[in-house]
């Protein structure tokens, strides 16, 4: 069978490389792919943007693709899986309703709070003045997040209240993140090691993959602003009991709540 992978990053390269090793896969198409995927055996780049849903569907139909796998958040939030399914095409990834967990931090925080899933305390704001007044009640550092997709750069950890106020001014009044920053989430700062719990899910069942840890700050010593791609380490040392707790207290109730709301999460 042929498989279509949507995306152009290292994640999509890894997925394509692994898929190509299957004897059941005759060819992997990557839209648009990158210089690395262009060199892989049984892999072919196709020049279609991740935002061109009509073009992606055309490729899947023309090439008789059996399965499409979506990597990036942008097409998922925009409903590419919904569009594929409307055409009777198999597409692995959450529909737009489930992808809101990635597309809106305010939605996710409200969702977690409503379903009593552990998360840091927060408030969401669209106006500068009330957001500024709120941060003045906090003890720094203060975590400020652009609500929407900001290419991995929308999280600012302000070490002082003055810097938090300046961040709010730049995001809410100056619009440095565009529409993604029309709303901000102000969150309590939690100290500790970051761990990303990554899993493949079908709406109910969970298959954990290797845990990982992002390194997003621009400068040496974990200093400087967040960026979208300074690298990651995987696997990292996370105690089995912690991984089990994450699956039990975060992942499972999230999937249950989405399924109960008629938006089962696959991806």
Protein backbone atom coordinates (compact mmCIF):
# COMPACT_ATOMS: atom_id res chain seq x y z
CA UNK A 1 0.00 0.00 0.00
CA UNK A 2 0.94 3.68 -0.30
CA UNK A 3 1.01 5.97 2.71
CA UNK A 4 0.86 9.77 2.67
CA UNK A 5 2.60 11.70 5.44
CA UNK A 6 1.66 15.38 5.82
CA UNK A 7 4.46 17.65 7.05
CA UNK A 8 8.04 18.72 6.47
CA UNK A 9 9.88 18.41 9.78
CA UNK A 10 12.09 15.91 11.54
CA UNK A 11 9.03 14.18 13.01
CA UNK A 12 7.65 13.50 9.54
CA UNK A 13 11.09 12.34 8.37
CA UNK A 14 11.24 9.79 11.21
CA UNK A 15 7.69 8.57 10.55
CA UNK A 16 8.36 8.21 6.82
CA UNK A 17 11.68 6.43 7.40
CA UNK A 18 10.00 3.89 9.69
CA UNK A 19 6.97 3.36 7.46
CA UNK A 20 9.25 2.67 4.49
CA UNK A 21 10.75 -0.28 6.38
CA UNK A 22 7.42 -2.12 6.38
CA UNK A 23 7.07 -4.84 3.73
CA UNK A 24 3.41 -3.80 3.47
CA UNK A 25 4.33 -0.32 2.27
CA UNK A 26 5.34 0.07 -1.37
CA UNK A 27 5.89 3.85 -1.19
CA UNK A 28 5.64 6.72 1.26
CA UNK A 29 4.60 10.12 -0.10
CA UNK A 30 5.52 13.17 2.00
CA UNK A 31 3.78 16.51 1.49
CA UNK A 32 5.77 18.64 1.15
CA UNK A 33 8.67 16.74 2.77
CA UNK A 34 12.22 18.04 3.12
CA UNK A 35 15.74 17.47 1.86
CA UNK A 36 16.13 14.51 4.20
CA UNK A 37 12.97 12.68 3.17
CA UNK A 38 14.01 13.15 -0.45
CA UNK A 39 16.97 10.82 0.15
CA UNK A 40 15.10 7.95 1.78
CA UNK A 41 14.42 4.67 0.02
CA UNK A 42 10.75 4.17 -0.95
CA UNK A 43 9.99 7.81 -0.02
CA UNK A 44 8.90 10.53 -2.47
CA UNK A 45 8.23 14.20 -1.75
CA UNK A 46 5.16 15.79 -3.30
CA UNK A 47 5.06 19.60 -3.55
CA UNK A 48 1.79 20.26 -1.73
CA UNK A 49 1.54 22.64 1.24
CA UNK A 50 0.16 21.38 4.55
CA UNK A 51 -2.55 24.05 4.35
CA UNK A 52 -3.73 22.98 0.88
CA UNK A 53 -6.39 20.50 1.93
CA UNK A 54 -7.83 20.16 -1.57
CA UNK A 55 -4.37 19.47 -2.97
CA UNK A 56 -3.63 16.88 -0.28
CA UNK A 57 -6.93 15.11 -0.93
CA UNK A 58 -6.19 15.15 -4.66
CA UNK A 59 -2.80 13.49 -4.05
CA UNK A 60 -4.37 10.83 -1.83
CA UNK A 61 -7.01 10.03 -4.43
CA UNK A 62 -4.75 10.22 -7.48
CA UNK A 63 -2.05 8.06 -5.90
CA UNK A 64 -4.58 5.64 -4.34
CA UNK A 65 -3.16 6.21 -0.88
CA UNK A 66 -4.42 3.71 1.70
CA UNK A 67 -3.61 5.79 4.78
CA UNK A 68 -2.65 9.40 5.53
CA UNK A 69 -0.76 10.37 8.69
CA UNK A 70 -0.76 14.02 9.80
CA UNK A 71 2.21 15.41 11.70
CA UNK A 72 1.87 19.20 12.18
CA UNK A 73 -0.70 20.93 14.35
CA UNK A 74 -1.76 23.56 11.79
CA UNK A 75 -3.62 21.25 9.39
CA UNK A 76 -5.09 19.25 12.29
CA UNK A 77 -6.54 22.37 13.93
CA UNK A 78 -7.84 23.46 10.52
CA UNK A 79 -9.77 20.19 10.15
CA UNK A 80 -7.76 18.26 7.55
CA UNK A 81 -8.81 14.92 9.10
CA UNK A 82 -12.47 15.92 8.88
CA UNK A 83 -12.00 16.80 5.20
CA UNK A 84 -10.29 13.49 4.41
CA UNK A 85 -12.96 11.47 6.18
CA UNK A 86 -15.70 13.32 4.29
CA UNK A 87 -14.09 11.97 1.12
CA UNK A 88 -13.98 8.44 2.51
CA UNK A 89 -10.21 8.55 3.01
CA UNK A 90 -8.47 7.04 6.05
CA UNK A 91 -6.55 9.71 7.92
CA UNK A 92 -4.72 9.23 11.23
CA UNK A 93 -4.93 12.24 13.50
CA UNK A 94 -7.49 14.05 15.66
CA UNK A 95 -10.44 15.77 14.06
CA UNK A 96 -10.70 19.54 14.51
CA UNK A 97 -12.78 19.15 17.69
CA UNK A 98 -10.03 17.16 19.41
CA UNK A 99 -7.21 19.22 17.91
CA UNK A 100 -8.49 22.22 19.88
CA UNK A 101 -6.35 20.86 22.72
CA UNK A 102 -3.35 22.01 20.69
CA UNK A 103 -4.97 24.96 18.95
CA UNK A 104 -6.11 26.86 22.03
CA UNK A 105 -4.34 26.85 25.39
CA UNK A 106 -7.33 28.56 27.03
CA UNK A 107 -9.60 25.80 25.73
CA UNK A 108 -7.24 23.14 27.06
CA UNK A 109 -6.83 24.74 30.47
CA UNK A 110 -10.60 25.11 30.86
CA UNK A 111 -11.09 21.53 29.68
CA UNK A 112 -8.56 20.19 32.19
CA UNK A 113 -10.02 22.22 35.05
CA UNK A 114 -13.58 21.20 34.21
CA UNK A 115 -12.66 17.52 34.21
CA UNK A 116 -10.43 17.76 37.30
CA UNK A 117 -7.30 16.77 35.37
CA UNK A 118 -4.10 18.09 37.03
CA UNK A 119 -2.87 21.41 35.62
CA UNK A 120 -1.34 24.64 36.90
CA UNK A 121 -3.73 27.37 38.07
CA UNK A 122 -4.46 29.94 35.34
CA UNK A 123 -6.49 32.88 34.10
CA UNK A 124 -7.19 33.87 30.49
CA UNK A 125 -7.40 37.46 29.19
CA UNK A 126 -8.03 39.33 25.95
CA UNK A 127 -7.48 42.85 27.32
CA UNK A 128 -4.22 44.33 28.59
CA UNK A 129 -5.43 46.21 31.68
CA UNK A 130 -7.10 43.32 33.53
CA UNK A 131 -4.22 41.01 32.57
CA UNK A 132 -1.71 43.53 33.95
CA UNK A 133 -3.72 43.93 37.14
CA UNK A 134 -3.78 40.15 37.60
CA UNK A 135 -0.03 39.63 37.21
CA UNK A 136 0.52 42.29 39.85
CA UNK A 137 -1.13 39.91 42.33
CA UNK A 138 1.30 37.09 41.51
CA UNK A 139 4.73 36.10 42.76
CA UNK A 140 7.20 35.82 39.86
CA UNK A 141 8.25 34.12 37.73
CA UNK A 142 5.07 34.42 35.68
CA UNK A 143 4.19 32.15 32.77
CA UNK A 144 2.44 33.92 29.88
CA UNK A 145 1.24 31.95 26.86
CA UNK A 146 -0.25 33.05 23.57
CA UNK A 147 -3.52 31.18 23.26
CA UNK A 148 -3.09 30.00 19.68
CA UNK A 149 -0.41 28.31 17.59
CA UNK A 150 2.81 30.32 17.63
CA UNK A 151 5.38 27.92 16.14
CA UNK A 152 6.77 26.94 19.53
CA UNK A 153 7.56 30.55 20.50
CA UNK A 154 4.38 31.57 22.28
CA UNK A 155 5.43 30.82 25.87
CA UNK A 156 7.25 33.46 27.90
CA UNK A 157 8.52 32.92 31.44
CA UNK A 158 8.85 36.42 32.89
CA UNK A 159 11.25 36.54 35.87
CA UNK A 160 9.83 39.83 37.19
CA UNK A 161 6.43 41.54 37.28
CA UNK A 162 7.82 44.39 35.16
CA UNK A 163 8.87 41.93 32.45
CA UNK A 164 5.49 40.22 32.68
CA UNK A 165 3.75 43.55 32.10
CA UNK A 166 6.04 44.28 29.16
CA UNK A 167 5.26 40.85 27.70
CA UNK A 168 1.53 41.46 28.01
CA UNK A 169 1.94 44.81 26.27
CA UNK A 170 3.84 43.24 23.37
CA UNK A 171 1.41 40.35 22.98
CA UNK A 172 -1.99 41.97 23.61
CA UNK A 173 -1.39 45.56 22.45
CA UNK A 174 1.45 45.31 19.94
CA UNK A 175 0.32 41.95 18.51
CA UNK A 176 3.73 40.28 18.23
CA UNK A 177 2.06 36.87 17.80
CA UNK A 178 -0.74 38.11 15.57
CA UNK A 179 -4.08 36.34 15.95
CA UNK A 180 -2.45 33.62 18.06
CA UNK A 181 -1.90 36.22 20.79
CA UNK A 182 -5.34 37.84 20.77
CA UNK A 183 -5.89 35.95 24.02
CA UNK A 184 -3.29 35.02 26.61
CA UNK A 185 -3.16 32.43 29.36
CA UNK A 186 -1.38 33.50 32.55
CA UNK A 187 -0.30 30.44 34.46
CA UNK A 188 1.36 29.60 37.75
CA UNK A 189 5.03 28.70 37.34
CA UNK A 190 5.81 25.09 38.25
CA UNK A 191 9.38 24.13 39.09
CA UNK A 192 10.80 20.81 38.00
CA UNK A 193 11.96 18.76 35.04
CA UNK A 194 9.87 18.75 31.88
CA UNK A 195 8.80 15.45 30.38
CA UNK A 196 6.73 15.00 27.25
CA UNK A 197 4.49 11.92 27.42
CA UNK A 198 3.98 10.87 23.81
CA UNK A 199 1.59 8.11 22.84
CA UNK A 200 -0.36 6.67 19.94
CA UNK A 201 -4.06 6.49 20.70
CA UNK A 202 -7.16 5.24 18.89
CA UNK A 203 -9.70 7.10 20.99
CA UNK A 204 -9.61 4.59 23.83
CA UNK A 205 -6.39 2.59 23.93
CA UNK A 206 -3.02 4.18 24.69
CA UNK A 207 0.35 2.94 23.44
CA UNK A 208 3.10 5.03 25.09
CA UNK A 209 6.21 5.87 23.09
CA UNK A 210 9.57 7.06 24.41
CA UNK A 211 9.36 10.03 26.76
CA UNK A 212 11.21 13.15 25.64
CA UNK A 213 12.28 16.58 26.81
CA UNK A 214 12.36 19.77 24.74
CA UNK A 215 15.21 22.24 24.94
CA UNK A 216 13.65 25.40 23.61
CA UNK A 217 15.59 28.31 25.06
CA UNK A 218 17.84 30.02 22.56
CA UNK A 219 21.00 30.56 24.61
CA UNK A 220 23.42 28.38 26.56
CA UNK A 221 22.49 27.58 30.14
CA UNK A 222 18.74 27.46 29.41
CA UNK A 223 18.59 31.21 28.97
CA UNK A 224 16.97 33.43 26.39
CA UNK A 225 13.58 33.32 24.68
CA UNK A 226 11.75 30.17 23.63
CA UNK A 227 12.31 29.01 20.07
CA UNK A 228 10.61 26.40 17.97
CA UNK A 229 13.46 24.01 17.36
CA UNK A 230 16.55 23.94 19.55
CA UNK A 231 16.23 20.18 19.92
CA UNK A 232 15.01 17.44 22.21
CA UNK A 233 16.33 14.44 24.12
CA UNK A 234 14.66 11.04 24.09
CA UNK A 235 14.24 8.84 25.96
CA UNK A 236 14.67 10.56 29.31
CA UNK A 237 14.77 9.09 32.79
CA UNK A 238 11.21 9.16 34.10
CA UNK A 239 10.28 6.79 36.91
CA UNK A 240 7.82 4.09 35.81
CA UNK A 241 5.48 5.14 38.61
CA UNK A 242 5.39 8.70 37.25
CA UNK A 243 4.66 7.49 33.72
CA UNK A 244 1.87 5.28 35.05
CA UNK A 245 0.42 8.22 36.98
CA UNK A 246 0.50 10.46 33.87
CA UNK A 247 -1.37 7.84 31.88
CA UNK A 248 -3.91 7.26 34.66
CA UNK A 249 -4.52 10.85 35.80
CA UNK A 250 -4.00 12.86 32.61
CA UNK A 251 -4.16 10.82 29.41
CA UNK A 252 -6.98 8.40 30.23
CA UNK A 253 -9.43 11.00 31.63
CA UNK A 254 -8.67 13.32 28.69
CA UNK A 255 -9.56 10.59 26.20
CA UNK A 256 -12.65 9.65 28.21
CA UNK A 257 -13.89 13.25 28.35
CA UNK A 258 -13.35 13.83 24.64
CA UNK A 259 -15.09 10.61 23.75
CA UNK A 260 -18.04 11.48 25.99
CA UNK A 261 -18.25 14.86 24.25
CA UNK A 262 -18.50 13.17 20.86
CA UNK A 263 -14.96 14.10 19.83
CA UNK A 264 -12.87 10.91 20.16
CA UNK A 265 -9.17 11.62 19.86
CA UNK A 266 -7.08 9.52 17.47
CA UNK A 267 -3.50 10.33 16.63
